Amino acid sequence: MHVVACMKQTVDLQQIRIKRETRQPVLEGMPLVFGDMDKNALEEAVRIKEKHGAKVTVLSVGTTKLKEGILEALAMGADEACIVVDPACEGSEPNSTVLALAEAIKKIGPADVILVGEGSADNYSGQIGSRLAEALKMPLITYVRELSMESGTVKATRDREAALEIVKAKAPLVISVTSEINKPRRAPLTQILRASRKPLTILSLKELGLDSILVKSASSAVQVIRNVAPEQERKGIILEGELDDAVEKLVSALKKEGALP
């Protein structure tokens, strides 16, 4: 059995700063990480491997910065990695990303189970799973929070918000998972050091038969005009006087604002 876990590298949202003058995020020089739900997808792939003896391939599309980040995924238990590296992939939208993912899967496949996170940490469009299933002509199970396999049949519990739905499907298929499905393991340092010895395939768009013009963000039907943080108005109240009086005024002001009971 061959299980492919698709992962996306994004800016670490915990470290983003906002420019006060323009309210735009500062992205230059920010560290890149794999999203939480991408790690859920990989963790579930590794658990399938541990239970059924599958081979796990982690697949990602991006720039040369993937070469360093992919070691974490390999250290978590993937047997090998395949990354599609091209400058045109930076900032590409879901449809373009799926073009690269689908062609890469055809090249490294066949795949029995393809796992993706339900949404990415940055845009959370939730489109990759459905678009990938359509591109590969495979059935799709979405919003999966519990998964089991037996004799090539997948049994999945889907989160329908107001209810849970249990479905079954035969492999090959695409599965998108939610954060409730598992708790991703942390790779120890020894595993990270050994990860560099695992097979890593680096593909270009040209090797996949794709024109970089079709993948560039500029070719997307949807263009991001502006990305800014919400306006935050500060009252700028200055409390003067003796310290005890100022503290009393501060507590009173916070109570009026509802910040204190």
C-alpha atoms as a PDB file:
ATOM      1  CA  MET A   1       0.000   0.000   0.000  1.00  0.00           C
ATOM      2  CA  HIS A   2       1.257   3.462  -0.898  1.00  0.00           C
ATOM      3  CA  VAL A   3       0.042   6.425   1.176  1.00  0.00           C
ATOM      4  CA  VAL A   4       0.819   9.995   0.077  1.00  0.00           C
ATOM      5  CA  ALA A   5       0.547  12.857   2.553  1.00  0.00           C
ATOM      6  CA  CYS A   6       0.363  16.310   0.947  1.00  0.00           C
ATOM      7  CA  MET A   7       1.747  19.156   3.046  1.00  0.00           C
ATOM      8  CA  LYS A   8       2.033  22.907   2.576  1.00  0.00           C
ATOM      9  CA  GLN A   9       4.802  25.109   3.926  1.00  0.00           C
ATOM     10  CA  THR A  10       3.557  28.468   5.203  1.00  0.00           C
ATOM     11  CA  VAL A  11       4.864  31.426   7.162  1.00  0.00           C
ATOM     12  CA  ASP A  12       4.871  30.820  10.920  1.00  0.00           C
ATOM     13  CA  LEU A  13       1.744  32.760  11.888  1.00  0.00           C
ATOM     14  CA  GLN A  14       2.894  33.037  15.491  1.00  0.00           C
ATOM     15  CA  GLN A  15       5.768  35.277  14.461  1.00  0.00           C
ATOM     16  CA  ILE A  16       4.069  37.630  12.003  1.00  0.00           C
ATOM     17  CA  ARG A  17       4.278  41.322  12.849  1.00  0.00           C
ATOM     18  CA  ILE A  18       2.018  44.071  11.474  1.00  0.00           C
ATOM     19  CA  LYS A  19       3.320  47.390  10.122  1.00  0.00           C
ATOM     20  CA  ARG A  20       1.623  50.141  12.096  1.00  0.00           C
ATOM     21  CA  GLU A  21       1.582  52.615   9.168  1.00  0.00           C
ATOM     22  CA  THR A  22       0.118  50.311   6.498  1.00  0.00           C
ATOM     23  CA  ARG A  23      -1.420  47.506   8.616  1.00  0.00           C
ATOM     24  CA  GLN A  24       0.279  45.028   6.264  1.00  0.00           C
ATOM     25  CA  PRO A  25       1.934  41.852   7.592  1.00  0.00           C
ATOM     26  CA  VAL A  26       5.722  41.686   7.597  1.00  0.00           C
ATOM     27  CA  LEU A  27       6.510  38.430   5.775  1.00  0.00           C
ATOM     28  CA  GLU A  28      10.102  39.008   4.737  1.00  0.00           C
ATOM     29  CA  GLY A  29      12.522  36.775   6.577  1.00  0.00           C
ATOM     30  CA  MET A  30       9.788  34.937   8.480  1.00  0.00           C
ATOM     31  CA  PRO A  31      10.447  31.243   9.260  1.00  0.00           C
ATOM     32  CA  LEU A  32       8.434  28.678   7.303  1.00  0.00           C
ATOM     33  CA  VAL A  33       6.604  25.754   8.889  1.00  0.00           C
ATOM     34  CA  PHE A  34       4.123  23.068   7.905  1.00  0.00           C
ATOM     35  CA  GLY A  35       0.549  23.761   8.987  1.00  0.00           C
ATOM     36  CA  ASP A  36      -1.055  21.902  11.888  1.00  0.00           C
ATOM     37  CA  MET A  37      -3.620  20.055   9.781  1.00  0.00           C
ATOM     38  CA  ASP A  38      -0.913  19.095   7.294  1.00  0.00           C
ATOM     39  CA  LYS A  39       0.850  17.433  10.219  1.00  0.00           C
ATOM     40  CA  ASN A  40      -2.431  15.710  11.120  1.00  0.00           C
ATOM     41  CA  ALA A  41      -2.525  14.274   7.597  1.00  0.00           C
ATOM     42  CA  LEU A  42       1.056  13.038   7.844  1.00  0.00           C
ATOM     43  CA  GLU A  43       0.516  11.597  11.313  1.00  0.00           C
ATOM     44  CA  GLU A  44      -2.484   9.625  10.060  1.00  0.00           C
ATOM     45  CA  ALA A  45      -0.433   8.359   7.106  1.00  0.00           C
ATOM     46  CA  VAL A  46       2.281   7.145   9.488  1.00  0.00           C
ATOM     47  CA  ARG A  47      -0.328   5.429  11.678  1.00  0.00           C
ATOM     48  CA  ILE A  48      -1.674   3.592   8.623  1.00  0.00           C
ATOM     49  CA  LYS A  49       1.899   2.511   7.898  1.00  0.00           C
ATOM     50  CA  GLU A  50       2.387   1.250  11.441  1.00  0.00           C
ATOM     51  CA  LYS A  51      -0.845  -0.762  11.353  1.00  0.00           C
ATOM     52  CA  HIS A  52      -0.798  -2.065   7.783  1.00  0.00           C
ATOM     53  CA  GLY A  53       2.818  -1.886   6.620  1.00  0.00           C
ATOM     54  CA  ALA A  54       2.301   0.852   4.025  1.00  0.00           C
ATOM     55  CA  LYS A  55       4.923   3.051   2.412  1.00  0.00           C
ATOM     56  CA  VAL A  56       4.461   6.744   3.207  1.00  0.00           C
ATOM     57  CA  THR A  57       5.544   9.500   0.834  1.00  0.00           C
ATOM     58  CA  VAL A  58       5.273  13.132   1.870  1.00  0.00           C
ATOM     59  CA  LEU A  59       4.627  15.493  -1.054  1.00  0.00           C
ATOM     60  CA  SER A  60       4.897  19.276  -1.134  1.00  0.00           C
ATOM     61  CA  VAL A  61       4.995  22.083  -3.674  1.00  0.00           C
ATOM     62  CA  GLY A  62       7.004  25.255  -3.125  1.00  0.00           C
ATOM     63  CA  THR A  63      10.413  26.863  -3.442  1.00  0.00           C
ATOM     64  CA  THR A  64      13.941  25.791  -2.537  1.00  0.00           C
ATOM     65  CA  LYS A  65      13.164  26.503   1.133  1.00  0.00           C
ATOM     66  CA  LEU A  66      11.284  23.196   1.157  1.00  0.00           C
ATOM     67  CA  LYS A  67      14.574  21.281   1.155  1.00  0.00           C
ATOM     68  CA  GLU A  68      15.198  22.184   4.787  1.00  0.00           C
ATOM     69  CA  GLY A  69      11.643  21.972   6.083  1.00  0.00           C
ATOM     70  CA  ILE A  70      10.930  18.576   4.539  1.00  0.00           C
ATOM     71  CA  LEU A  71      13.361  16.926   6.978  1.00  0.00           C
ATOM     72  CA  GLU A  72      10.848  17.448   9.784  1.00  0.00           C
ATOM     73  CA  ALA A  73       8.216  15.527   7.829  1.00  0.00           C
ATOM     74  CA  LEU A  74      10.642  12.692   7.131  1.00  0.00           C
ATOM     75  CA  ALA A  75      11.599  12.599  10.795  1.00  0.00           C
ATOM     76  CA  MET A  76       7.938  12.192  11.767  1.00  0.00           C
ATOM     77  CA  GLY A  77       7.872   8.812  10.038  1.00  0.00           C
ATOM     78  CA  ALA A  78       7.543   9.261   6.279  1.00  0.00           C
ATOM     79  CA  ASP A  79       9.669   6.814   4.278  1.00  0.00           C
ATOM     80  CA  GLU A  80      10.496   9.230   1.495  1.00  0.00           C
ATOM     81  CA  ALA A  81       9.702  12.703   0.251  1.00  0.00           C
ATOM     82  CA  CYS A  82       8.982  14.327  -3.072  1.00  0.00           C
ATOM     83  CA  ILE A  83       9.049  18.085  -3.470  1.00  0.00           C
ATOM     84  CA  VAL A  84       8.152  20.157  -6.514  1.00  0.00           C
ATOM     85  CA  VAL A  85      10.516  23.117  -6.450  1.00  0.00           C
ATOM     86  CA  ASP A  86      10.129  26.102  -8.743  1.00  0.00           C
ATOM     87  CA  PRO A  87      10.094  29.903  -8.216  1.00  0.00           C
ATOM     88  CA  ALA A  88       6.707  29.983  -9.960  1.00  0.00           C
ATOM     89  CA  CYS A  89       5.206  27.920  -7.135  1.00  0.00           C
ATOM     90  CA  GLU A  90       5.645  30.697  -4.585  1.00  0.00           C
ATOM     91  CA  GLY A  91       2.253  32.162  -3.767  1.00  0.00           C
ATOM     92  CA  SER A  92       0.411  29.935  -6.240  1.00  0.00           C
ATOM     93  CA  GLU A  93      -3.321  29.517  -5.674  1.00  0.00           C
ATOM     94  CA  PRO A  94      -5.118  26.158  -5.090  1.00  0.00           C
ATOM     95  CA  ASN A  95      -5.806  25.276  -8.722  1.00  0.00           C
ATOM     96  CA  SER A  96      -2.170  25.796  -9.719  1.00  0.00           C
ATOM     97  CA  THR A  97      -0.927  23.875  -6.696  1.00  0.00           C
ATOM     98  CA  VAL A  98      -3.205  20.959  -7.534  1.00  0.00           C
ATOM     99  CA  LEU A  99      -1.828  20.841 -11.086  1.00  0.00           C
ATOM    100  CA  ALA A 100       1.643  20.242  -9.663  1.00  0.00           C
ATOM    101  CA  LEU A 101       0.467  17.853  -6.947  1.00  0.00           C
ATOM    102  CA  ALA A 102      -1.549  15.717  -9.368  1.00  0.00           C
ATOM    103  CA  GLU A 103       1.282  15.395 -11.887  1.00  0.00           C
ATOM    104  CA  ALA A 104       3.767  14.589  -9.121  1.00  0.00           C
ATOM    105  CA  ILE A 105       1.485  11.851  -7.740  1.00  0.00           C
ATOM    106  CA  LYS A 106       1.195  10.335 -11.207  1.00  0.00           C
ATOM    107  CA  LYS A 107       4.986  10.308 -11.416  1.00  0.00           C
ATOM    108  CA  ILE A 108       5.681   8.779  -7.980  1.00  0.00           C
ATOM    109  CA  GLY A 109       2.503   6.683  -7.804  1.00  0.00           C
ATOM    110  CA  PRO A 110       0.284   4.871  -8.023  1.00  0.00           C
ATOM    111  CA  ALA A 111      -1.128   5.983  -4.672  1.00  0.00           C
ATOM    112  CA  ASP A 112      -3.741   4.030  -2.726  1.00  0.00           C
ATOM    113  CA  VAL A 113      -4.583   6.712  -0.176  1.00  0.00           C
ATOM    114  CA  ILE A 114      -3.886  10.448  -0.492  1.00  0.00           C
ATOM    115  CA  LEU A 115      -4.208  12.460   2.709  1.00  0.00           C
ATOM    116  CA  VAL A 116      -4.480  16.248   2.934  1.00  0.00           C
ATOM    117  CA  GLY A 117      -5.352  18.688   5.684  1.00  0.00           C
ATOM    118  CA  GLU A 118      -8.860  20.118   5.516  1.00  0.00           C
ATOM    119  CA  GLY A 119      -7.434  23.634   5.258  1.00  0.00           C
ATOM    120  CA  SER A 120      -4.061  25.354   5.158  1.00  0.00           C
ATOM    121  CA  ALA A 121      -2.775  27.509   7.992  1.00  0.00           C
ATOM    122  CA  ASP A 122      -2.602  30.658   5.861  1.00  0.00           C
ATOM    123  CA  ASN A 123      -5.573  30.974   3.478  1.00  0.00           C
ATOM    124  CA  TYR A 124      -7.678  28.042   4.689  1.00  0.00           C
ATOM    125  CA  SER A 125      -9.448  27.807   1.333  1.00  0.00           C
ATOM    126  CA  GLY A 126     -10.268  24.126   1.850  1.00  0.00           C
ATOM    127  CA  GLN A 127     -10.026  23.449  -1.886  1.00  0.00           C
ATOM    128  CA  ILE A 128      -7.003  21.161  -2.263  1.00  0.00           C
ATOM    129  CA  GLY A 129      -8.733  17.890  -1.353  1.00  0.00           C
ATOM    130  CA  SER A 130     -11.699  18.300  -3.687  1.00  0.00           C
ATOM    131  CA  ARG A 131      -9.647  19.709  -6.555  1.00  0.00           C
ATOM    132  CA  LEU A 132      -7.048  16.954  -6.232  1.00  0.00           C
ATOM    133  CA  ALA A 133      -9.698  14.226  -6.216  1.00  0.00           C
ATOM    134  CA  GLU A 134     -11.214  15.695  -9.369  1.00  0.00           C
ATOM    135  CA  ALA A 135      -7.832  15.988 -11.092  1.00  0.00           C
ATOM    136  CA  LEU A 136      -6.972  12.351 -10.318  1.00  0.00           C
ATOM    137  CA  LYS A 137     -10.522  11.063 -10.889  1.00  0.00           C
ATOM    138  CA  MET A 138     -10.637   9.536  -7.409  1.00  0.00           C
ATOM    139  CA  PRO A 139     -13.421   9.416  -4.814  1.00  0.00           C
ATOM    140  CA  LEU A 140     -13.139  11.866  -1.925  1.00  0.00           C
ATOM    141  CA  ILE A 141     -14.007  11.767   1.768  1.00  0.00           C
ATOM    142  CA  THR A 142     -13.916  15.130   3.522  1.00  0.00           C
ATOM    143  CA  TYR A 143     -13.894  16.382   7.143  1.00  0.00           C
ATOM    144  CA  VAL A 144     -12.575  13.073   8.478  1.00  0.00           C
ATOM    145  CA  ARG A 145     -11.994  12.964  12.236  1.00  0.00           C
ATOM    146  CA  GLU A 146     -11.593   9.204  12.629  1.00  0.00           C
ATOM    147  CA  LEU A 147     -10.161   6.679  10.190  1.00  0.00           C
ATOM    148  CA  SER A 148      -9.654   2.921   9.965  1.00  0.00           C
ATOM    149  CA  MET A 149      -8.796   0.486   7.172  1.00  0.00           C
ATOM    150  CA  GLU A 150      -9.457  -3.170   6.498  1.00  0.00           C
ATOM    151  CA  SER A 151      -8.788  -5.159   3.312  1.00  0.00           C
ATOM    152  CA  GLY A 152      -8.494  -2.059   1.147  1.00  0.00           C
ATOM    153  CA  THR A 153     -11.716  -0.518   2.485  1.00  0.00           C
ATOM    154  CA  VAL A 154     -11.601   2.769   4.362  1.00  0.00           C
ATOM    155  CA  LYS A 155     -14.067   3.481   7.159  1.00  0.00           C
ATOM    156  CA  ALA A 156     -14.213   7.162   8.058  1.00  0.00           C
ATOM    157  CA  THR A 157     -16.142   9.268  10.540  1.00  0.00           C
ATOM    158  CA  ARG A 158     -16.980  12.655   9.032  1.00  0.00           C
ATOM    159  CA  ASP A 159     -17.645  15.785  11.050  1.00  0.00           C
ATOM    160  CA  ARG A 160     -20.932  17.298   9.824  1.00  0.00           C
ATOM    161  CA  GLU A 161     -20.950  19.941  12.624  1.00  0.00           C
ATOM    162  CA  ALA A 162     -24.415  19.038  13.904  1.00  0.00           C
ATOM    163  CA  ALA A 163     -23.857  15.304  13.440  1.00  0.00           C
ATOM    164  CA  LEU A 164     -21.251  12.645  12.697  1.00  0.00           C
ATOM    165  CA  GLU A 165     -21.462  10.557   9.540  1.00  0.00           C
ATOM    166  CA  ILE A 166     -19.767   7.180   9.041  1.00  0.00           C
ATOM    167  CA  VAL A 167     -18.901   6.262   5.453  1.00  0.00           C
ATOM    168  CA  LYS A 168     -16.977   3.490   3.704  1.00  0.00           C
ATOM    169  CA  ALA A 169     -15.053   3.613   0.437  1.00  0.00           C
ATOM    170  CA  LYS A 170     -12.625   1.473  -1.505  1.00  0.00           C
ATOM    171  CA  ALA A 171      -9.093   2.630  -2.189  1.00  0.00           C
ATOM    172  CA  PRO A 172      -7.692   4.427  -4.114  1.00  0.00           C
ATOM    173  CA  LEU A 173      -9.180   7.644  -2.772  1.00  0.00           C
ATOM    174  CA  VAL A 174      -8.428  11.117  -1.407  1.00  0.00           C
ATOM    175  CA  ILE A 175      -9.115  11.958   2.244  1.00  0.00           C
ATOM    176  CA  SER A 176      -9.097  15.383   3.902  1.00  0.00           C
ATOM    177  CA  VAL A 177      -8.694  15.332   7.678  1.00  0.00           C
ATOM    178  CA  THR A 178      -9.584  17.703  10.515  1.00  0.00           C
ATOM    179  CA  SER A 179      -7.469  18.528  13.559  1.00  0.00           C
ATOM    180  CA  GLU A 180      -9.524  16.172  15.755  1.00  0.00           C
ATOM    181  CA  ILE A 181      -8.245  13.044  14.007  1.00  0.00           C
ATOM    182  CA  ASN A 182      -5.000  12.768  15.990  1.00  0.00           C
ATOM    183  CA  LYS A 183      -2.204  14.527  17.821  1.00  0.00           C
ATOM    184  CA  PRO A 184       0.893  14.717  15.597  1.00  0.00           C
ATOM    185  CA  ARG A 185       4.039  13.292  17.133  1.00  0.00           C
ATOM    186  CA  ARG A 186       7.130  15.365  17.764  1.00  0.00           C
ATOM    187  CA  ALA A 187      10.176  14.024  16.035  1.00  0.00           C
ATOM    188  CA  PRO A 188      13.172  13.551  18.368  1.00  0.00           C
ATOM    189  CA  LEU A 189      16.506  15.078  17.394  1.00  0.00           C
ATOM    190  CA  THR A 190      17.956  11.672  16.509  1.00  0.00           C
ATOM    191  CA  GLN A 191      15.177  11.096  13.967  1.00  0.00           C
ATOM    192  CA  ILE A 192      15.713  14.544  12.460  1.00  0.00           C
ATOM    193  CA  LEU A 193      19.408  13.773  12.016  1.00  0.00           C
ATOM    194  CA  ARG A 194      18.613  10.444  10.342  1.00  0.00           C
ATOM    195  CA  ALA A 195      15.961  12.001   8.109  1.00  0.00           C
ATOM    196  CA  SER A 196      18.605  13.378   5.750  1.00  0.00           C
ATOM    197  CA  ARG A 197      19.440   9.789   4.758  1.00  0.00           C
ATOM    198  CA  LYS A 198      15.935   9.051   3.526  1.00  0.00           C
ATOM    199  CA  PRO A 199      15.139   9.284  -0.211  1.00  0.00           C
ATOM    200  CA  LEU A 200      14.256  12.776  -1.430  1.00  0.00           C
ATOM    201  CA  THR A 201      13.038  13.375  -4.975  1.00  0.00           C
ATOM    202  CA  ILE A 202      13.174  16.940  -6.267  1.00  0.00           C
ATOM    203  CA  LEU A 203      11.063  17.658  -9.341  1.00  0.00           C
ATOM    204  CA  SER A 204      10.745  20.791 -11.436  1.00  0.00           C
ATOM    205  CA  LEU A 205       7.603  21.937 -13.222  1.00  0.00           C
ATOM    206  CA  LYS A 206       9.326  21.179 -16.507  1.00  0.00           C
ATOM    207  CA  GLU A 207       9.884  17.558 -15.462  1.00  0.00           C
ATOM    208  CA  LEU A 208       6.169  17.329 -14.718  1.00  0.00           C
ATOM    209  CA  GLY A 209       5.298  18.713 -18.139  1.00  0.00           C
ATOM    210  CA  LEU A 210       3.867  21.924 -16.692  1.00  0.00           C
ATOM    211  CA  ASP A 211       4.415  25.454 -17.951  1.00  0.00           C
ATOM    212  CA  SER A 212       5.491  27.764 -15.128  1.00  0.00           C
ATOM    213  CA  ILE A 213       3.227  30.471 -16.550  1.00  0.00           C
ATOM    214  CA  LEU A 214       0.204  28.305 -15.686  1.00  0.00           C
ATOM    215  CA  VAL A 215       1.344  27.955 -12.096  1.00  0.00           C
ATOM    216  CA  LYS A 216       2.451  31.496 -11.275  1.00  0.00           C
ATOM    217  CA  SER A 217       0.171  33.423  -8.930  1.00  0.00           C
ATOM    218  CA  ALA A 218      -0.223  36.056 -11.660  1.00  0.00           C
ATOM    219  CA  SER A 219      -2.083  33.499 -13.787  1.00  0.00           C
ATOM    220  CA  SER A 220      -4.734  32.926 -11.120  1.00  0.00           C
ATOM    221  CA  ALA A 221      -8.323  33.901 -11.841  1.00  0.00           C
ATOM    222  CA  VAL A 222      -8.431  35.392  -8.337  1.00  0.00           C
ATOM    223  CA  GLN A 223      -5.998  38.189  -7.494  1.00  0.00           C
ATOM    224  CA  VAL A 224      -5.298  39.400  -3.955  1.00  0.00           C
ATOM    225  CA  ILE A 225      -5.575  43.196  -4.090  1.00  0.00           C
ATOM    226  CA  ARG A 226      -4.700  43.964  -0.501  1.00  0.00           C
ATOM    227  CA  ASN A 227      -3.944  42.075   2.675  1.00  0.00           C
ATOM    228  CA  VAL A 228      -4.177  44.195   5.818  1.00  0.00           C
ATOM    229  CA  ALA A 229      -4.977  43.746   9.495  1.00  0.00           C
ATOM    230  CA  PRO A 230      -8.196  45.246  10.946  1.00  0.00           C
ATOM    231  CA  GLU A 231      -7.989  48.806  12.219  1.00  0.00           C
ATOM    232  CA  GLN A 232      -7.406  49.120  15.931  1.00  0.00           C
ATOM    233  CA  GLU A 233      -8.300  52.364  17.622  1.00  0.00           C
ATOM    234  CA  ARG A 234      -6.541  53.127  20.885  1.00  0.00           C
ATOM    235  CA  LYS A 235      -8.091  55.603  23.315  1.00  0.00           C
ATOM    236  CA  GLY A 236      -4.712  56.730  24.553  1.00  0.00           C
ATOM    237  CA  ILE A 237      -5.921  57.635  28.047  1.00  0.00           C
ATOM    238  CA  ILE A 238      -3.172  58.964  30.321  1.00  0.00           C
ATOM    239  CA  LEU A 239      -3.702  58.675  34.069  1.00  0.00           C
ATOM    240  CA  GLU A 240      -1.773  61.291  36.028  1.00  0.00           C
ATOM    241  CA  GLY A 241      -1.229  61.898  39.703  1.00  0.00           C
ATOM    242  CA  GLU A 242       0.014  59.818  42.600  1.00  0.00           C
ATOM    243  CA  LEU A 243       0.504  56.087  41.976  1.00  0.00           C
ATOM    244  CA  ASP A 244      -2.312  54.945  44.281  1.00  0.00           C
ATOM    245  CA  ASP A 245      -4.761  57.393  42.711  1.00  0.00           C
ATOM    246  CA  ALA A 246      -3.680  56.398  39.194  1.00  0.00           C
ATOM    247  CA  VAL A 247      -4.145  52.694  39.962  1.00  0.00           C
ATOM    248  CA  GLU A 248      -7.615  53.358  41.373  1.00  0.00           C
ATOM    249  CA  LYS A 249      -8.567  55.306  38.243  1.00  0.00           C
ATOM    250  CA  LEU A 250      -7.157  52.526  36.038  1.00  0.00           C
ATOM    251  CA  VAL A 251      -9.191  49.838  37.808  1.00  0.00           C
ATOM    252  CA  SER A 252     -12.322  51.984  37.567  1.00  0.00           C
ATOM    253  CA  ALA A 253     -11.749  52.588  33.843  1.00  0.00           C
ATOM    254  CA  LEU A 254     -11.190  48.862  33.171  1.00  0.00           C
ATOM    255  CA  LYS A 255     -14.409  48.003  35.007  1.00  0.00           C
ATOM    256  CA  LYS A 256     -16.347  50.475  32.838  1.00  0.00           C
ATOM    257  CA  GLU A 257     -14.890  48.849  29.743  1.00  0.00           C
ATOM    258  CA  GLY A 258     -15.904  45.408  30.999  1.00  0.00           C
ATOM    259  CA  ALA A 259     -12.301  44.208  31.210  1.00  0.00           C
ATOM    260  CA  LEU A 260     -12.624  43.630  34.948  1.00  0.00           C
ATOM    261  CA  PRO A 261     -15.620  42.272  36.918  1.00  0.00           C
END
